[in-house]
Amino acid sequence: MEKHRIFTTSFASVYPHYITKAEKKGRTKDEVDTIIRWLTGYTQEQLQQQIDNKKDFETFFAEAPRLNENVSQITGVICGYRIEEIENKLMQKIRYLDKLIDELAKEKSMEKILRS
């Protein structure tokens, strides 16, 4: 089975788009980084290394210290797919991140986004 193109896309190439999307709605790069760290368990330094080393999404999630235990609370539709029904675990992780960034851009509070 052929890999989806997003799996081999560098995280570093998409990261600026997450920031731009957030900043257009008055949110910050720090909030984007907080969301990514919450989801993946990376420290800020580890996150920066992933970006600097231009790791693809597959490696980015494979090397993540730990997926947040509350990811099952991330539900809803993203890109036409219900997140909780996505069978490919890597695609599901990518869509979790997309959904969290969307929530940030929709001006939800960080408390709600981080499922606190």
N, C-alpha and C. Protein backbone atom coordinates (compact mmCIF):
# COMPACT_ATOMS: atom_id res chain seq x y z
N MET A 1 0.84 -1.19 0.00
CA MET A 1 0.00 0.00 0.00
C MET A 1 0.89 1.25 0.00
N GLU A 2 0.56 2.18 -0.83
CA GLU A 2 1.34 3.42 -0.95
C GLU A 2 1.05 4.35 0.22
N LYS A 3 2.12 4.99 0.70
CA LYS A 3 1.97 5.94 1.81
C LYS A 3 1.27 7.20 1.32
N HIS A 4 0.46 7.75 2.19
CA HIS A 4 -0.16 9.04 1.90
C HIS A 4 0.93 10.10 1.84
N ARG A 5 0.79 11.04 0.96
CA ARG A 5 1.81 12.08 0.75
C ARG A 5 2.13 12.86 2.03
N ILE A 6 1.13 13.10 2.87
CA ILE A 6 1.38 13.88 4.09
C ILE A 6 2.37 13.18 5.01
N PHE A 7 2.41 11.84 4.97
CA PHE A 7 3.32 11.10 5.86
C PHE A 7 4.77 11.43 5.58
N THR A 8 5.09 11.68 4.32
CA THR A 8 6.48 11.96 3.93
C THR A 8 6.75 13.45 3.78
N THR A 9 5.75 14.26 4.06
CA THR A 9 5.92 15.72 4.03
C THR A 9 6.63 16.15 5.30
N SER A 10 7.57 17.07 5.16
CA SER A 10 8.29 17.51 6.35
C SER A 10 7.37 18.35 7.25
N PHE A 11 7.44 18.04 8.54
CA PHE A 11 6.67 18.80 9.52
C PHE A 11 7.04 20.27 9.44
N ALA A 12 8.34 20.53 9.24
CA ALA A 12 8.84 21.92 9.17
C ALA A 12 8.18 22.71 8.05
N SER A 13 7.77 22.04 6.97
CA SER A 13 7.15 22.77 5.86
C SER A 13 5.69 23.14 6.15
N VAL A 14 5.05 22.42 7.06
CA VAL A 14 3.65 22.68 7.41
C VAL A 14 3.54 23.59 8.64
N TYR A 15 4.50 23.49 9.52
CA TYR A 15 4.52 24.25 10.78
C TYR A 15 4.25 25.75 10.58
N PRO A 16 4.91 26.41 9.61
CA PRO A 16 4.62 27.85 9.43
C PRO A 16 3.16 28.12 9.06
N HIS A 17 2.52 27.17 8.41
CA HIS A 17 1.10 27.34 8.06
C HIS A 17 0.21 27.28 9.31
N TYR A 18 0.60 26.42 10.26
CA TYR A 18 -0.13 26.39 11.52
C TYR A 18 -0.04 27.74 12.22
N ILE A 19 1.16 28.30 12.23
CA ILE A 19 1.39 29.59 12.89
C ILE A 19 0.61 30.70 12.19
N THR A 20 0.69 30.72 10.86
CA THR A 20 -0.02 31.75 10.09
C THR A 20 -1.52 31.67 10.35
N LYS A 21 -2.06 30.46 10.34
CA LYS A 21 -3.50 30.27 10.57
C LYS A 21 -3.89 30.82 11.94
N ALA A 22 -3.07 30.54 12.95
CA ALA A 22 -3.35 31.02 14.30
C ALA A 22 -3.22 32.54 14.39
N GLU A 23 -2.13 33.07 13.82
CA GLU A 23 -1.88 34.51 13.93
C GLU A 23 -2.93 35.34 13.21
N LYS A 24 -3.51 34.80 12.14
CA LYS A 24 -4.58 35.53 11.43
C LYS A 24 -5.79 35.76 12.33
N LYS A 25 -5.92 34.92 13.35
CA LYS A 25 -7.04 35.04 14.29
C LYS A 25 -6.60 35.62 15.63
N GLY A 26 -5.42 36.25 15.65
CA GLY A 26 -4.97 36.91 16.86
C GLY A 26 -4.34 35.99 17.88
N ARG A 27 -4.03 34.75 17.49
CA ARG A 27 -3.38 33.81 18.40
C ARG A 27 -1.87 33.87 18.16
N THR A 28 -1.09 33.12 18.93
CA THR A 28 0.36 33.28 18.88
C THR A 28 1.08 31.97 18.54
N LYS A 29 2.33 32.12 18.12
CA LYS A 29 3.22 30.99 17.88
C LYS A 29 3.38 30.18 19.16
N ASP A 30 3.48 30.87 20.29
CA ASP A 30 3.62 30.18 21.58
C ASP A 30 2.42 29.26 21.85
N GLU A 31 1.23 29.71 21.49
CA GLU A 31 0.05 28.87 21.69
C GLU A 31 0.09 27.65 20.76
N VAL A 32 0.54 27.85 19.53
CA VAL A 32 0.70 26.73 18.59
C VAL A 32 1.69 25.72 19.18
N ASP A 33 2.82 26.22 19.65
CA ASP A 33 3.84 25.34 20.23
C ASP A 33 3.31 24.60 21.47
N THR A 34 2.55 25.30 22.28
CA THR A 34 1.97 24.68 23.48
C THR A 34 1.07 23.51 23.08
N ILE A 35 0.26 23.71 22.05
CA ILE A 35 -0.63 22.66 21.57
C ILE A 35 0.17 21.46 21.07
N ILE A 36 1.20 21.73 20.28
CA ILE A 36 2.02 20.64 19.73
C ILE A 36 2.72 19.88 20.85
N ARG A 37 3.25 20.61 21.82
CA ARG A 37 3.93 19.96 22.96
C ARG A 37 2.94 19.15 23.78
N TRP A 38 1.74 19.68 24.00
CA TRP A 38 0.70 18.96 24.74
C TRP A 38 0.36 17.64 24.04
N LEU A 39 0.19 17.69 22.73
CA LEU A 39 -0.19 16.51 21.97
C LEU A 39 0.91 15.46 21.93
N THR A 40 2.15 15.89 21.74
CA THR A 40 3.25 14.96 21.44
C THR A 40 4.17 14.64 22.61
N GLY A 41 4.20 15.50 23.62
CA GLY A 41 5.12 15.30 24.73
C GLY A 41 6.51 15.87 24.49
N TYR A 42 6.72 16.48 23.31
CA TYR A 42 8.02 17.11 23.05
C TYR A 42 8.23 18.29 24.00
N THR A 43 9.50 18.54 24.35
CA THR A 43 9.86 19.79 25.01
C THR A 43 10.00 20.83 23.89
N GLN A 44 10.12 22.09 24.25
CA GLN A 44 10.29 23.13 23.23
C GLN A 44 11.58 22.87 22.44
N GLU A 45 12.63 22.46 23.14
CA GLU A 45 13.91 22.19 22.47
C GLU A 45 13.79 21.00 21.51
N GLN A 46 13.13 19.96 21.95
CA GLN A 46 12.93 18.78 21.08
C GLN A 46 12.08 19.14 19.86
N LEU A 47 11.06 19.95 20.07
CA LEU A 47 10.21 20.39 18.96
C LEU A 47 11.04 21.17 17.95
N GLN A 48 11.86 22.08 18.44
CA GLN A 48 12.71 22.88 17.55
C GLN A 48 13.68 21.98 16.77
N GLN A 49 14.20 20.95 17.41
CA GLN A 49 15.10 20.01 16.72
C GLN A 49 14.38 19.28 15.60
N GLN A 50 13.14 18.89 15.85
CA GLN A 50 12.35 18.23 14.80
C GLN A 50 12.17 19.16 13.60
N ILE A 51 11.92 20.43 13.89
CA ILE A 51 11.73 21.43 12.82
C ILE A 51 13.06 21.66 12.10
N ASP A 52 14.13 21.88 12.85
CA ASP A 52 15.45 22.15 12.26
C ASP A 52 15.94 20.98 11.41
N ASN A 53 15.63 19.76 11.84
CA ASN A 53 16.08 18.57 11.11
C ASN A 53 15.11 18.15 10.00
N LYS A 54 14.07 18.96 9.83
CA LYS A 54 13.09 18.74 8.75
C LYS A 54 12.55 17.31 8.72
N LYS A 55 12.17 16.82 9.89
CA LYS A 55 11.61 15.47 10.00
C LYS A 55 10.24 15.42 9.33
N ASP A 56 9.97 14.31 8.65
CA ASP A 56 8.65 14.15 8.05
C ASP A 56 7.63 13.81 9.14
N PHE A 57 6.35 13.88 8.79
CA PHE A 57 5.31 13.64 9.79
C PHE A 57 5.40 12.25 10.39
N GLU A 58 5.74 11.26 9.57
CA GLU A 58 5.84 9.90 10.09
C GLU A 58 6.91 9.82 11.19
N THR A 59 8.06 10.41 10.94
CA THR A 59 9.15 10.41 11.92
C THR A 59 8.80 11.31 13.10
N PHE A 60 8.20 12.45 12.82
CA PHE A 60 7.81 13.40 13.87
C PHE A 60 6.95 12.71 14.93
N PHE A 61 5.94 11.96 14.49
CA PHE A 61 5.08 11.29 15.45
C PHE A 61 5.72 10.02 16.01
N ALA A 62 6.53 9.34 15.22
CA ALA A 62 7.21 8.13 15.70
C ALA A 62 8.19 8.47 16.83
N GLU A 63 8.83 9.62 16.74
CA GLU A 63 9.82 10.03 17.73
C GLU A 63 9.22 10.82 18.89
N ALA A 64 7.92 11.11 18.82
CA ALA A 64 7.28 11.87 19.90
C ALA A 64 7.39 11.09 21.21
N PRO A 65 7.77 11.77 22.28
CA PRO A 65 7.94 11.09 23.57
C PRO A 65 6.70 10.32 24.03
N ARG A 66 5.54 10.93 23.87
CA ARG A 66 4.29 10.27 24.26
C ARG A 66 3.11 11.08 23.73
N LEU A 67 2.12 10.37 23.24
CA LEU A 67 0.90 11.03 22.83
C LEU A 67 0.09 11.34 24.10
N ASN A 68 -0.50 12.50 24.17
CA ASN A 68 -1.24 12.88 25.36
C ASN A 68 -2.35 11.86 25.65
N GLU A 69 -2.51 11.55 26.91
CA GLU A 69 -3.51 10.55 27.31
C GLU A 69 -4.95 11.00 27.04
N ASN A 70 -5.16 12.27 26.80
CA ASN A 70 -6.51 12.79 26.57
C ASN A 70 -6.87 12.94 25.09
N VAL A 71 -6.08 12.35 24.19
CA VAL A 71 -6.37 12.51 22.76
C VAL A 71 -7.73 11.96 22.38
N SER A 72 -8.22 10.98 23.11
CA SER A 72 -9.53 10.41 22.78
C SER A 72 -10.64 11.44 22.94
N GLN A 73 -10.36 12.53 23.64
CA GLN A 73 -11.34 13.60 23.81
C GLN A 73 -11.39 14.53 22.59
N ILE A 74 -10.44 14.37 21.68
CA ILE A 74 -10.43 15.18 20.46
C ILE A 74 -11.33 14.49 19.46
N THR A 75 -12.49 15.07 19.24
CA THR A 75 -13.48 14.46 18.35
C THR A 75 -13.98 15.49 17.36
N GLY A 76 -14.74 15.02 16.40
CA GLY A 76 -15.33 15.93 15.43
C GLY A 76 -14.83 15.61 14.04
N VAL A 77 -15.16 16.51 13.12
CA VAL A 77 -14.83 16.30 11.71
C VAL A 77 -13.72 17.25 11.30
N ILE A 78 -12.75 16.71 10.57
CA ILE A 78 -11.66 17.51 10.02
C ILE A 78 -11.40 16.99 8.61
N CYS A 79 -11.35 17.88 7.66
CA CYS A 79 -11.13 17.52 6.25
C CYS A 79 -12.14 16.47 5.78
N GLY A 80 -13.35 16.56 6.29
CA GLY A 80 -14.41 15.65 5.87
C GLY A 80 -14.40 14.28 6.53
N TYR A 81 -13.49 14.06 7.47
CA TYR A 81 -13.41 12.77 8.16
C TYR A 81 -13.66 12.94 9.65
N ARG A 82 -14.41 12.01 10.22
CA ARG A 82 -14.63 12.01 11.66
C ARG A 82 -13.37 11.45 12.30
N ILE A 83 -12.71 12.25 13.13
CA ILE A 83 -11.41 11.91 13.70
C ILE A 83 -11.41 10.56 14.40
N GLU A 84 -12.43 10.33 15.20
CA GLU A 84 -12.45 9.11 15.99
C GLU A 84 -12.65 7.85 15.14
N GLU A 85 -12.99 8.02 13.86
CA GLU A 85 -13.19 6.86 12.97
C GLU A 85 -12.03 6.62 12.01
N ILE A 86 -11.01 7.45 12.05
CA ILE A 86 -9.86 7.28 11.16
C ILE A 86 -9.08 6.04 11.60
N GLU A 87 -8.94 5.08 10.69
CA GLU A 87 -8.31 3.81 11.04
C GLU A 87 -6.79 3.88 11.07
N ASN A 88 -6.19 4.62 10.15
CA ASN A 88 -4.73 4.72 10.12
C ASN A 88 -4.29 5.61 11.28
N LYS A 89 -3.52 5.03 12.21
CA LYS A 89 -3.16 5.74 13.44
C LYS A 89 -2.30 6.98 13.18
N LEU A 90 -1.42 6.92 12.19
CA LEU A 90 -0.60 8.09 11.87
C LEU A 90 -1.48 9.22 11.33
N MET A 91 -2.38 8.88 10.42
CA MET A 91 -3.29 9.90 9.87
C MET A 91 -4.15 10.48 11.00
N GLN A 92 -4.57 9.63 11.92
CA GLN A 92 -5.38 10.11 13.03
C GLN A 92 -4.60 11.12 13.87
N LYS A 93 -3.32 10.84 14.13
CA LYS A 93 -2.49 11.77 14.91
C LYS A 93 -2.34 13.11 14.19
N ILE A 94 -2.14 13.04 12.88
CA ILE A 94 -2.01 14.27 12.09
C ILE A 94 -3.31 15.06 12.15
N ARG A 95 -4.42 14.38 12.06
CA ARG A 95 -5.73 15.05 12.12
C ARG A 95 -6.04 15.59 13.51
N TYR A 96 -5.54 14.91 14.55
CA TYR A 96 -5.67 15.47 15.90
C TYR A 96 -5.02 16.85 15.93
N LEU A 97 -3.81 16.93 15.39
CA LEU A 97 -3.09 18.20 15.39
C LEU A 97 -3.84 19.24 14.56
N ASP A 98 -4.33 18.85 13.39
CA ASP A 98 -5.11 19.77 12.56
C ASP A 98 -6.31 20.30 13.32
N LYS A 99 -7.01 19.42 14.01
CA LYS A 99 -8.22 19.80 14.75
C LYS A 99 -7.87 20.79 15.88
N LEU A 100 -6.78 20.53 16.59
CA LEU A 100 -6.39 21.43 17.67
C LEU A 100 -6.03 22.81 17.14
N ILE A 101 -5.33 22.87 16.02
CA ILE A 101 -4.97 24.16 15.41
C ILE A 101 -6.24 24.87 14.93
N ASP A 102 -7.18 24.12 14.36
CA ASP A 102 -8.46 24.72 13.96
C ASP A 102 -9.18 25.33 15.15
N GLU A 103 -9.19 24.60 16.26
CA GLU A 103 -9.85 25.12 17.46
C GLU A 103 -9.18 26.39 17.95
N LEU A 104 -7.86 26.45 17.86
CA LEU A 104 -7.13 27.66 18.23
C LEU A 104 -7.55 28.82 17.33
N ALA A 105 -7.62 28.55 16.03
CA ALA A 105 -8.02 29.60 15.07
C ALA A 105 -9.48 30.01 15.24
N LYS A 106 -10.28 29.12 15.81
CA LYS A 106 -11.69 29.44 16.06
C LYS A 106 -11.88 30.11 17.42
N GLU A 107 -10.75 30.52 17.99
CA GLU A 107 -10.74 31.32 19.21
C GLU A 107 -11.26 30.60 20.45
N LYS A 108 -11.15 29.27 20.47
CA LYS A 108 -11.47 28.55 21.69
C LYS A 108 -10.40 28.85 22.73
N SER A 109 -10.76 28.72 23.99
CA SER A 109 -9.78 28.96 25.05
C SER A 109 -8.77 27.81 25.07
N MET A 110 -7.55 28.13 25.50
CA MET A 110 -6.51 27.11 25.58
C MET A 110 -6.94 25.99 26.53
N GLU A 111 -7.67 26.33 27.56
CA GLU A 111 -8.15 25.34 28.52
C GLU A 111 -9.02 24.28 27.82
N LYS A 112 -9.91 24.73 26.94
CA LYS A 112 -10.77 23.80 26.21
C LYS A 112 -9.97 23.02 25.17
N ILE A 113 -9.07 23.70 24.48
CA ILE A 113 -8.27 23.04 23.44
C ILE A 113 -7.43 21.93 24.05
N LEU A 114 -6.85 22.18 25.22
CA LEU A 114 -5.98 21.20 25.87
C LEU A 114 -6.76 20.22 26.75
N ARG A 115 -8.05 20.23 26.60
CA ARG A 115 -8.92 19.28 27.29
C ARG A 115 -8.65 19.26 28.80
N SER A 116 -8.51 20.47 29.37
CA SER A 116 -8.23 20.59 30.81
C SER A 116 -9.51 20.60 31.63
